[in-house]
Amino acid sequence: MDIEQENISYTDALKELEKIVKTLQSDNCDVDNMVALTRRATDLIALCRRRLTATDQQLKAALEALS
């Protein structure tokens, strides 16, 4: 499933990223699961980056409209 279709919030994406990082850093991390966790983390990071960029553009537009 495409991460954009999951309708996950920025906050939830960050929480999931934190959980993934803790799992990857733990001694109990399953080697077979590392690739899947890393792929999920990169997808979440990309989602967060897109959301931050979009928010930045919207804020800039709103501030320009006030000028």
PDB file of N, CA and C in Angstrom:
ATOM      1  N   MET A   1       0.850  -1.190   0.000  1.00  0.00           N
ATOM      2  CA  MET A   1       0.000   0.000   0.000  1.00  0.00           C
ATOM      3  C   MET A   1       0.887   1.242   0.000  1.00  0.00           C
ATOM      4  N   ASP A   2       0.526   2.188  -0.830  1.00  0.00           N
ATOM      5  CA  ASP A   2       1.228   3.463  -0.905  1.00  0.00           C
ATOM      6  C   ASP A   2       1.008   4.230   0.393  1.00  0.00           C
ATOM      7  N   ILE A   3       2.078   4.781   0.940  1.00  0.00           N
ATOM      8  CA  ILE A   3       1.989   5.487   2.224  1.00  0.00           C
ATOM      9  C   ILE A   3       1.050   6.685   2.153  1.00  0.00           C
ATOM     10  N   GLU A   4       0.924   7.293   0.981  1.00  0.00           N
ATOM     11  CA  GLU A   4       0.017   8.427   0.830  1.00  0.00           C
ATOM     12  C   GLU A   4      -1.441   7.984   0.973  1.00  0.00           C
ATOM     13  N   GLN A   5      -1.729   6.753   0.630  1.00  0.00           N
ATOM     14  CA  GLN A   5      -3.083   6.241   0.710  1.00  0.00           C
ATOM     15  C   GLN A   5      -3.458   5.812   2.129  1.00  0.00           C
ATOM     16  N   GLU A   6      -2.486   5.720   3.006  1.00  0.00           N
ATOM     17  CA  GLU A   6      -2.745   5.303   4.380  1.00  0.00           C
ATOM     18  C   GLU A   6      -3.418   6.393   5.199  1.00  0.00           C
ATOM     19  N   ASN A   7      -3.320   7.618   4.742  1.00  0.00           N
ATOM     20  CA  ASN A   7      -3.922   8.743   5.452  1.00  0.00           C
ATOM     21  C   ASN A   7      -3.376   8.852   6.879  1.00  0.00           C
ATOM     22  N   ILE A   8      -2.077   8.717   7.009  1.00  0.00           N
ATOM     23  CA  ILE A   8      -1.408   8.789   8.306  1.00  0.00           C
ATOM     24  C   ILE A   8      -1.039  10.244   8.585  1.00  0.00           C
ATOM     25  N   SER A   9      -1.227  10.665   9.814  1.00  0.00           N
ATOM     26  CA  SER A   9      -0.899  12.043  10.172  1.00  0.00           C
ATOM     27  C   SER A   9       0.614  12.194  10.343  1.00  0.00           C
ATOM     28  N   TYR A  10       1.058  13.427  10.293  1.00  0.00           N
ATOM     29  CA  TYR A  10       2.477  13.721  10.504  1.00  0.00           C
ATOM     30  C   TYR A  10       2.915  13.227  11.880  1.00  0.00           C
ATOM     31  N   THR A  11       2.099  13.497  12.895  1.00  0.00           N
ATOM     32  CA  THR A  11       2.420  13.093  14.264  1.00  0.00           C
ATOM     33  C   THR A  11       2.512  11.579  14.386  1.00  0.00           C
ATOM     34  N   ASP A  12       1.579  10.879  13.773  1.00  0.00           N
ATOM     35  CA  ASP A  12       1.611   9.412  13.818  1.00  0.00           C
ATOM     36  C   ASP A  12       2.820   8.862  13.065  1.00  0.00           C
ATOM     37  N   ALA A  13       3.176   9.517  11.969  1.00  0.00           N
ATOM     38  CA  ALA A  13       4.353   9.092  11.211  1.00  0.00           C
ATOM     39  C   ALA A  13       5.611   9.242  12.056  1.00  0.00           C
ATOM     40  N   LEU A  14       5.719  10.346  12.783  1.00  0.00           N
ATOM     41  CA  LEU A  14       6.880  10.548  13.655  1.00  0.00           C
ATOM     42  C   LEU A  14       6.926   9.508  14.765  1.00  0.00           C
ATOM     43  N   LYS A  15       5.776   9.212  15.353  1.00  0.00           N
ATOM     44  CA  LYS A  15       5.730   8.200  16.413  1.00  0.00           C
ATOM     45  C   LYS A  15       6.163   6.837  15.888  1.00  0.00           C
ATOM     46  N   GLU A  16       5.693   6.508  14.695  1.00  0.00           N
ATOM     47  CA  GLU A  16       6.081   5.225  14.111  1.00  0.00           C
ATOM     48  C   GLU A  16       7.573   5.196  13.796  1.00  0.00           C
ATOM     49  N   LEU A  17       8.095   6.312  13.313  1.00  0.00           N
ATOM     50  CA  LEU A  17       9.538   6.391  13.054  1.00  0.00           C
ATOM     51  C   LEU A  17      10.348   6.177  14.328  1.00  0.00           C
ATOM     52  N   GLU A  18       9.917   6.798  15.417  1.00  0.00           N
ATOM     53  CA  GLU A  18      10.611   6.623  16.692  1.00  0.00           C
ATOM     54  C   GLU A  18      10.592   5.162  17.125  1.00  0.00           C
ATOM     55  N   LYS A  19       9.467   4.509  16.936  1.00  0.00           N
ATOM     56  CA  LYS A  19       9.343   3.099  17.295  1.00  0.00           C
ATOM     57  C   LYS A  19      10.276   2.241  16.434  1.00  0.00           C
ATOM     58  N   ILE A  20      10.332   2.540  15.144  1.00  0.00           N
ATOM     59  CA  ILE A  20      11.208   1.795  14.240  1.00  0.00           C
ATOM     60  C   ILE A  20      12.667   1.964  14.646  1.00  0.00           C
ATOM     61  N   VAL A  21      13.066   3.194  14.953  1.00  0.00           N
ATOM     62  CA  VAL A  21      14.449   3.452  15.355  1.00  0.00           C
ATOM     63  C   VAL A  21      14.790   2.664  16.617  1.00  0.00           C
ATOM     64  N   LYS A  22      13.903   2.663  17.592  1.00  0.00           N
ATOM     65  CA  LYS A  22      14.137   1.900  18.824  1.00  0.00           C
ATOM     66  C   LYS A  22      14.274   0.413  18.534  1.00  0.00           C
ATOM     67  N   THR A  23      13.426  -0.075  17.637  1.00  0.00           N
ATOM     68  CA  THR A  23      13.490  -1.493  17.271  1.00  0.00           C
ATOM     69  C   THR A  23      14.811  -1.805  16.582  1.00  0.00           C
ATOM     70  N   LEU A  24      15.224  -0.961  15.656  1.00  0.00           N
ATOM     71  CA  LEU A  24      16.480  -1.194  14.941  1.00  0.00           C
ATOM     72  C   LEU A  24      17.688  -1.110  15.857  1.00  0.00           C
ATOM     73  N   GLN A  25      17.601  -0.295  16.890  1.00  0.00           N
ATOM     74  CA  GLN A  25      18.718  -0.139  17.822  1.00  0.00           C
ATOM     75  C   GLN A  25      18.752  -1.212  18.902  1.00  0.00           C
ATOM     76  N   SER A  26      17.669  -1.936  19.048  1.00  0.00           N
ATOM     77  CA  SER A  26      17.597  -2.921  20.118  1.00  0.00           C
ATOM     78  C   SER A  26      18.370  -4.189  19.753  1.00  0.00           C
ATOM     79  N   ASP A  27      18.714  -4.924  20.779  1.00  0.00           N
ATOM     80  CA  ASP A  27      19.395  -6.203  20.578  1.00  0.00           C
ATOM     81  C   ASP A  27      18.434  -7.264  20.059  1.00  0.00           C
ATOM     82  N   ASN A  28      17.149  -6.999  20.156  1.00  0.00           N
ATOM     83  CA  ASN A  28      16.132  -7.968  19.748  1.00  0.00           C
ATOM     84  C   ASN A  28      15.670  -7.790  18.311  1.00  0.00           C
ATOM     85  N   CYS A  29      16.321  -6.917  17.576  1.00  0.00           N
ATOM     86  CA  CYS A  29      15.895  -6.651  16.197  1.00  0.00           C
ATOM     87  C   CYS A  29      16.160  -7.877  15.327  1.00  0.00           C
ATOM     88  N   ASP A  30      15.125  -8.337  14.681  1.00  0.00           N
ATOM     89  CA  ASP A  30      15.206  -9.481  13.793  1.00  0.00           C
ATOM     90  C   ASP A  30      15.878  -9.052  12.489  1.00  0.00           C
ATOM     91  N   VAL A  31      16.967  -9.710  12.151  1.00  0.00           N
ATOM     92  CA  VAL A  31      17.728  -9.365  10.952  1.00  0.00           C
ATOM     93  C   VAL A  31      16.846  -9.469   9.706  1.00  0.00           C
ATOM     94  N   ASP A  32      15.979 -10.441   9.675  1.00  0.00           N
ATOM     95  CA  ASP A  32      15.113 -10.626   8.518  1.00  0.00           C
ATOM     96  C   ASP A  32      14.106  -9.486   8.372  1.00  0.00           C
ATOM     97  N   ASN A  33      13.847  -8.782   9.445  1.00  0.00           N
ATOM     98  CA  ASN A  33      12.873  -7.701   9.429  1.00  0.00           C
ATOM     99  C   ASN A  33      13.518  -6.330   9.197  1.00  0.00           C
ATOM    100  N   MET A  34      14.839  -6.259   9.252  1.00  0.00           N
ATOM    101  CA  MET A  34      15.548  -4.980   9.124  1.00  0.00           C
ATOM    102  C   MET A  34      15.251  -4.264   7.809  1.00  0.00           C
ATOM    103  N   VAL A  35      15.233  -4.993   6.727  1.00  0.00           N
ATOM    104  CA  VAL A  35      15.001  -4.369   5.425  1.00  0.00           C
ATOM    105  C   VAL A  35      13.601  -3.766   5.375  1.00  0.00           C
ATOM    106  N   ALA A  36      12.619  -4.511   5.839  1.00  0.00           N
ATOM    107  CA  ALA A  36      11.240  -4.010   5.826  1.00  0.00           C
ATOM    108  C   ALA A  36      11.107  -2.783   6.715  1.00  0.00           C
ATOM    109  N   LEU A  37      11.730  -2.819   7.888  1.00  0.00           N
ATOM    110  CA  LEU A  37      11.672  -1.666   8.788  1.00  0.00           C
ATOM    111  C   LEU A  37      12.362  -0.455   8.182  1.00  0.00           C
ATOM    112  N   THR A  38      13.492  -0.672   7.548  1.00  0.00           N
ATOM    113  CA  THR A  38      14.230   0.422   6.927  1.00  0.00           C
ATOM    114  C   THR A  38      13.443   1.026   5.770  1.00  0.00           C
ATOM    115  N   ARG A  39      12.807   0.189   4.974  1.00  0.00           N
ATOM    116  CA  ARG A  39      11.978   0.698   3.868  1.00  0.00           C
ATOM    117  C   ARG A  39      10.803   1.506   4.401  1.00  0.00           C
ATOM    118  N   ARG A  40      10.163   0.995   5.444  1.00  0.00           N
ATOM    119  CA  ARG A  40       9.037   1.717   6.045  1.00  0.00           C
ATOM    120  C   ARG A  40       9.518   3.062   6.578  1.00  0.00           C
ATOM    121  N   ALA A  41      10.671   3.066   7.241  1.00  0.00           N
ATOM    122  CA  ALA A  41      11.212   4.310   7.789  1.00  0.00           C
ATOM    123  C   ALA A  41      11.497   5.322   6.686  1.00  0.00           C
ATOM    124  N   THR A  42      12.065   4.873   5.580  1.00  0.00           N
ATOM    125  CA  THR A  42      12.359   5.816   4.495  1.00  0.00           C
ATOM    126  C   THR A  42      11.073   6.359   3.886  1.00  0.00           C
ATOM    127  N   ASP A  43      10.047   5.521   3.794  1.00  0.00           N
ATOM    128  CA  ASP A  43       8.750   6.001   3.295  1.00  0.00           C
ATOM    129  C   ASP A  43       8.154   7.046   4.236  1.00  0.00           C
ATOM    130  N   LEU A  44       8.247   6.798   5.533  1.00  0.00           N
ATOM    131  CA  LEU A  44       7.714   7.736   6.520  1.00  0.00           C
ATOM    132  C   LEU A  44       8.483   9.055   6.506  1.00  0.00           C
ATOM    133  N   ILE A  45       9.796   8.968   6.363  1.00  0.00           N
ATOM    134  CA  ILE A  45      10.621  10.182   6.288  1.00  0.00           C
ATOM    135  C   ILE A  45      10.237  11.002   5.059  1.00  0.00           C
ATOM    136  N   ALA A  46      10.054  10.338   3.933  1.00  0.00           N
ATOM    137  CA  ALA A  46       9.660  11.041   2.712  1.00  0.00           C
ATOM    138  C   ALA A  46       8.293  11.705   2.888  1.00  0.00           C
ATOM    139  N   LEU A  47       7.370  11.004   3.515  1.00  0.00           N
ATOM    140  CA  LEU A  47       6.048  11.568   3.775  1.00  0.00           C
ATOM    141  C   LEU A  47       6.159  12.820   4.649  1.00  0.00           C
ATOM    142  N   CYS A  48       6.926  12.725   5.722  1.00  0.00           N
ATOM    143  CA  CYS A  48       7.096  13.871   6.624  1.00  0.00           C
ATOM    144  C   CYS A  48       7.732  15.046   5.894  1.00  0.00           C
ATOM    145  N   ARG A  49       8.715  14.767   5.073  1.00  0.00           N
ATOM    146  CA  ARG A  49       9.386  15.828   4.316  1.00  0.00           C
ATOM    147  C   ARG A  49       8.401  16.523   3.376  1.00  0.00           C
ATOM    148  N   ARG A  50       7.579  15.732   2.689  1.00  0.00           N
ATOM    149  CA  ARG A  50       6.589  16.323   1.781  1.00  0.00           C
ATOM    150  C   ARG A  50       5.585  17.176   2.554  1.00  0.00           C
ATOM    151  N   ARG A  51       5.142  16.684   3.693  1.00  0.00           N
ATOM    152  CA  ARG A  51       4.172  17.441   4.490  1.00  0.00           C
ATOM    153  C   ARG A  51       4.785  18.741   5.010  1.00  0.00           C
ATOM    154  N   LEU A  52       6.035  18.687   5.454  1.00  0.00           N
ATOM    155  CA  LEU A  52       6.702  19.898   5.949  1.00  0.00           C
ATOM    156  C   LEU A  52       6.889  20.910   4.818  1.00  0.00           C
ATOM    157  N   THR A  53       7.269  20.433   3.653  1.00  0.00           N
ATOM    158  CA  THR A  53       7.452  21.320   2.501  1.00  0.00           C
ATOM    159  C   THR A  53       6.128  21.970   2.112  1.00  0.00           C
ATOM    160  N   ALA A  54       5.068  21.172   2.065  1.00  0.00           N
ATOM    161  CA  ALA A  54       3.751  21.716   1.723  1.00  0.00           C
ATOM    162  C   ALA A  54       3.289  22.738   2.751  1.00  0.00           C
ATOM    163  N   THR A  55       3.510  22.447   4.018  1.00  0.00           N
ATOM    164  CA  THR A  55       3.123  23.378   5.078  1.00  0.00           C
ATOM    165  C   THR A  55       3.918  24.669   4.964  1.00  0.00           C
ATOM    166  N   ASP A  56       5.197  24.568   4.695  1.00  0.00           N
ATOM    167  CA  ASP A  56       6.045  25.745   4.530  1.00  0.00           C
ATOM    168  C   ASP A  56       5.542  26.615   3.376  1.00  0.00           C
ATOM    169  N   GLN A  57       5.198  25.996   2.273  1.00  0.00           N
ATOM    170  CA  GLN A  57       4.702  26.742   1.119  1.00  0.00           C
ATOM    171  C   GLN A  57       3.373  27.431   1.444  1.00  0.00           C
ATOM    172  N   GLN A  58       2.504  26.732   2.158  1.00  0.00           N
ATOM    173  CA  GLN A  58       1.210  27.320   2.533  1.00  0.00           C
ATOM    174  C   GLN A  58       1.391  28.490   3.485  1.00  0.00           C
ATOM    175  N   LEU A  59       2.301  28.361   4.428  1.00  0.00           N
ATOM    176  CA  LEU A  59       2.564  29.468   5.357  1.00  0.00           C
ATOM    177  C   LEU A  59       3.145  30.674   4.640  1.00  0.00           C
ATOM    178  N   LYS A  60       4.070  30.424   3.725  1.00  0.00           N
ATOM    179  CA  LYS A  60       4.649  31.526   2.957  1.00  0.00           C
ATOM    180  C   LYS A  60       3.584  32.236   2.138  1.00  0.00           C
ATOM    181  N   ALA A  61       2.690  31.475   1.518  1.00  0.00           N
ATOM    182  CA  ALA A  61       1.607  32.059   0.721  1.00  0.00           C
ATOM    183  C   ALA A  61       0.667  32.878   1.608  1.00  0.00           C
ATOM    184  N   ALA A  62       0.364  32.364   2.774  1.00  0.00           N
ATOM    185  CA  ALA A  62      -0.529  33.079   3.694  1.00  0.00           C
ATOM    186  C   ALA A  62       0.124  34.380   4.159  1.00  0.00           C
ATOM    187  N   LEU A  63       1.411  34.343   4.454  1.00  0.00           N
ATOM    188  CA  LEU A  63       2.103  35.551   4.899  1.00  0.00           C
ATOM    189  C   LEU A  63       2.236  36.567   3.772  1.00  0.00           C
ATOM    190  N   GLU A  64       2.450  36.073   2.545  1.00  0.00           N
ATOM    191  CA  GLU A  64       2.520  36.983   1.394  1.00  0.00           C
ATOM    192  C   GLU A  64       1.173  37.652   1.163  1.00  0.00           C
ATOM    193  N   ALA A  65       0.111  36.940   1.415  1.00  0.00           N
ATOM    194  CA  ALA A  65      -1.243  37.495   1.215  1.00  0.00           C
ATOM    195  C   ALA A  65      -1.508  38.630   2.211  1.00  0.00           C
ATOM    196  N   LEU A  66      -0.845  38.604   3.337  1.00  0.00           N
ATOM    197  CA  LEU A  66      -1.016  39.659   4.338  1.00  0.00           C
ATOM    198  C   LEU A  66      -0.259  40.926   3.966  1.00  0.00           C
ATOM    199  N   SER A  67       0.740  40.808   3.103  1.00  0.00           N
ATOM    200  CA  SER A  67       1.572  41.959   2.724  1.00  0.00           C
ATOM    201  C   SER A  67       0.893  42.875   1.748  1.00  0.00           C
TER     202      SER A  67
END
